[in-house]
């Protein structure tokens, strides 16, 4: 009779996709969210300063056009503020509940094939 197959470590190890699926998201997701939130916060700050400048211009020279521009700038700032807050809350929630923070980088060489497996 032929010999029974021998199980190897590779046969028993879960695939990288299986490992990731039950561990949560990569920290990269959090850092991208943090970057997006930071950019939005900068845009909101700029918009707020622009709105204040338009208010000062209107106070110095009140016109209907100046009023309309000021109201539009205020709405823009309010929308940006809401979007920034939502992005911040979402990013924080992902960081607290969705990201697997204890992942370690791993380099593994397999004697069975001429390849290198990198996992982060």
Protein backbone atom coordinates (compact mmCIF):
# COMPACT_ATOMS: atom_id res chain seq x y z
CA UNK A 1 0.00 0.00 0.00
CA UNK A 2 1.15 3.58 -0.63
CA UNK A 3 2.36 5.55 2.39
CA UNK A 4 -0.14 7.88 4.02
CA UNK A 5 0.39 11.57 3.32
CA UNK A 6 2.19 13.49 6.02
CA UNK A 7 0.60 16.72 7.21
CA UNK A 8 2.89 19.71 7.05
CA UNK A 9 2.74 22.98 8.92
CA UNK A 10 1.66 24.78 5.75
CA UNK A 11 -1.27 22.38 5.33
CA UNK A 12 -2.55 23.15 8.82
CA UNK A 13 -1.91 26.88 8.90
CA UNK A 14 -4.83 29.15 8.00
CA UNK A 15 -4.48 31.25 4.89
CA UNK A 16 -3.62 34.95 5.36
CA UNK A 17 -7.17 35.82 4.24
CA UNK A 18 -8.67 33.59 6.94
CA UNK A 19 -6.39 35.08 9.60
CA UNK A 20 -7.24 38.66 8.66
CA UNK A 21 -10.98 38.12 8.45
CA UNK A 22 -11.37 37.28 12.13
CA UNK A 23 -8.80 39.72 13.49
CA UNK A 24 -10.25 43.01 12.33
CA UNK A 25 -9.08 45.71 9.97
CA UNK A 26 -5.55 46.82 9.32
CA UNK A 27 -4.32 49.88 11.26
CA UNK A 28 -3.83 51.50 7.85
CA UNK A 29 -7.59 52.05 7.71
CA UNK A 30 -7.40 54.12 10.90
CA UNK A 31 -4.43 56.15 9.68
CA UNK A 32 -6.16 56.93 6.37
CA UNK A 33 -9.23 58.07 8.32
CA UNK A 34 -7.02 60.18 10.55
CA UNK A 35 -5.45 61.82 7.50
CA UNK A 36 -8.83 62.53 5.91
CA UNK A 37 -10.12 63.99 9.18
CA UNK A 38 -7.03 66.19 9.51
CA UNK A 39 -7.43 67.55 5.97
CA UNK A 40 -11.12 68.23 6.62
CA UNK A 41 -10.27 69.99 9.89
CA UNK A 42 -7.81 72.22 8.02
CA UNK A 43 -10.42 73.04 5.38
CA UNK A 44 -12.96 73.80 8.12
CA UNK A 45 -10.54 76.12 9.91
CA UNK A 46 -9.76 77.95 6.66
CA UNK A 47 -13.48 78.24 5.88
CA UNK A 48 -14.21 79.62 9.33
CA UNK A 49 -11.50 82.27 8.97
CA UNK A 50 -12.79 83.17 5.50
CA UNK A 51 -16.33 83.48 6.87
CA UNK A 52 -15.14 85.78 9.64
CA UNK A 53 -13.23 87.89 7.12
CA UNK A 54 -16.34 88.19 4.96
CA UNK A 55 -18.33 89.24 8.04
CA UNK A 56 -15.80 91.98 8.81
CA UNK A 57 -15.94 93.15 5.18
CA UNK A 58 -19.74 93.22 5.35
CA UNK A 59 -19.72 95.17 8.62
CA UNK A 60 -17.40 97.74 7.04
CA UNK A 61 -19.43 97.99 3.81
CA UNK A 62 -22.90 96.37 4.04
CA UNK A 63 -24.27 95.29 0.65
CA UNK A 64 -26.78 92.67 -0.47
CA UNK A 65 -24.02 90.88 -2.39
CA UNK A 66 -21.77 90.88 0.68
CA UNK A 67 -24.60 89.50 2.79
CA UNK A 68 -25.29 86.66 0.33
CA UNK A 69 -21.58 85.79 0.13
CA UNK A 70 -21.34 85.75 3.92
CA UNK A 71 -24.36 83.48 4.31
CA UNK A 72 -22.96 81.10 1.67
CA UNK A 73 -19.59 81.05 3.44
CA UNK A 74 -21.29 80.35 6.77
CA UNK A 75 -23.25 77.43 5.26
CA UNK A 76 -20.05 76.06 3.72
CA UNK A 77 -18.31 76.23 7.10
CA UNK A 78 -21.22 74.55 8.88
CA UNK A 79 -21.32 71.71 6.33
CA UNK A 80 -17.55 71.23 6.58
CA UNK A 81 -17.80 71.20 10.37
CA UNK A 82 -20.46 68.49 10.27
CA UNK A 83 -18.52 66.36 7.80
CA UNK A 84 -15.32 66.77 9.84
CA UNK A 85 -17.11 65.75 13.03
CA UNK A 86 -18.61 62.69 11.32
CA UNK A 87 -15.22 61.70 9.92
CA UNK A 88 -13.62 62.12 13.34
CA UNK A 89 -16.26 60.04 15.13
CA UNK A 90 -16.09 57.34 12.45
CA UNK A 91 -12.29 57.24 12.60
CA UNK A 92 -12.33 57.02 16.40
CA UNK A 93 -14.91 54.21 16.32
CA UNK A 94 -12.87 52.28 13.77
CA UNK A 95 -9.75 52.78 15.86
CA UNK A 96 -11.44 51.57 19.04
CA UNK A 97 -13.62 48.75 17.75
CA UNK A 98 -12.61 47.76 14.21
CA UNK A 99 -8.83 47.72 14.01
CA UNK A 100 -6.59 44.89 15.14
CA UNK A 101 -3.72 46.79 16.76
CA UNK A 102 -1.49 43.91 17.85
CA UNK A 103 -0.59 42.65 14.40
CA UNK A 104 3.10 42.02 14.06
CA UNK A 105 5.08 42.07 10.87
CA UNK A 106 6.23 38.63 9.88
CA UNK A 107 8.67 37.37 7.27
CA UNK A 108 8.55 33.67 6.48
CA UNK A 109 10.60 31.59 4.09
CA UNK A 110 9.18 28.31 2.87
CA UNK A 111 11.54 25.45 1.97
CA UNK A 112 8.87 23.99 -0.32
CA UNK A 113 8.91 26.75 -2.92
CA UNK A 114 11.15 29.49 -4.17
CA UNK A 115 9.19 32.36 -2.71
CA UNK A 116 9.16 34.79 0.18
CA UNK A 117 5.99 35.52 2.11
CA UNK A 118 5.68 38.90 3.79
CA UNK A 119 2.80 39.61 6.13
CA UNK A 120 2.07 42.91 7.85
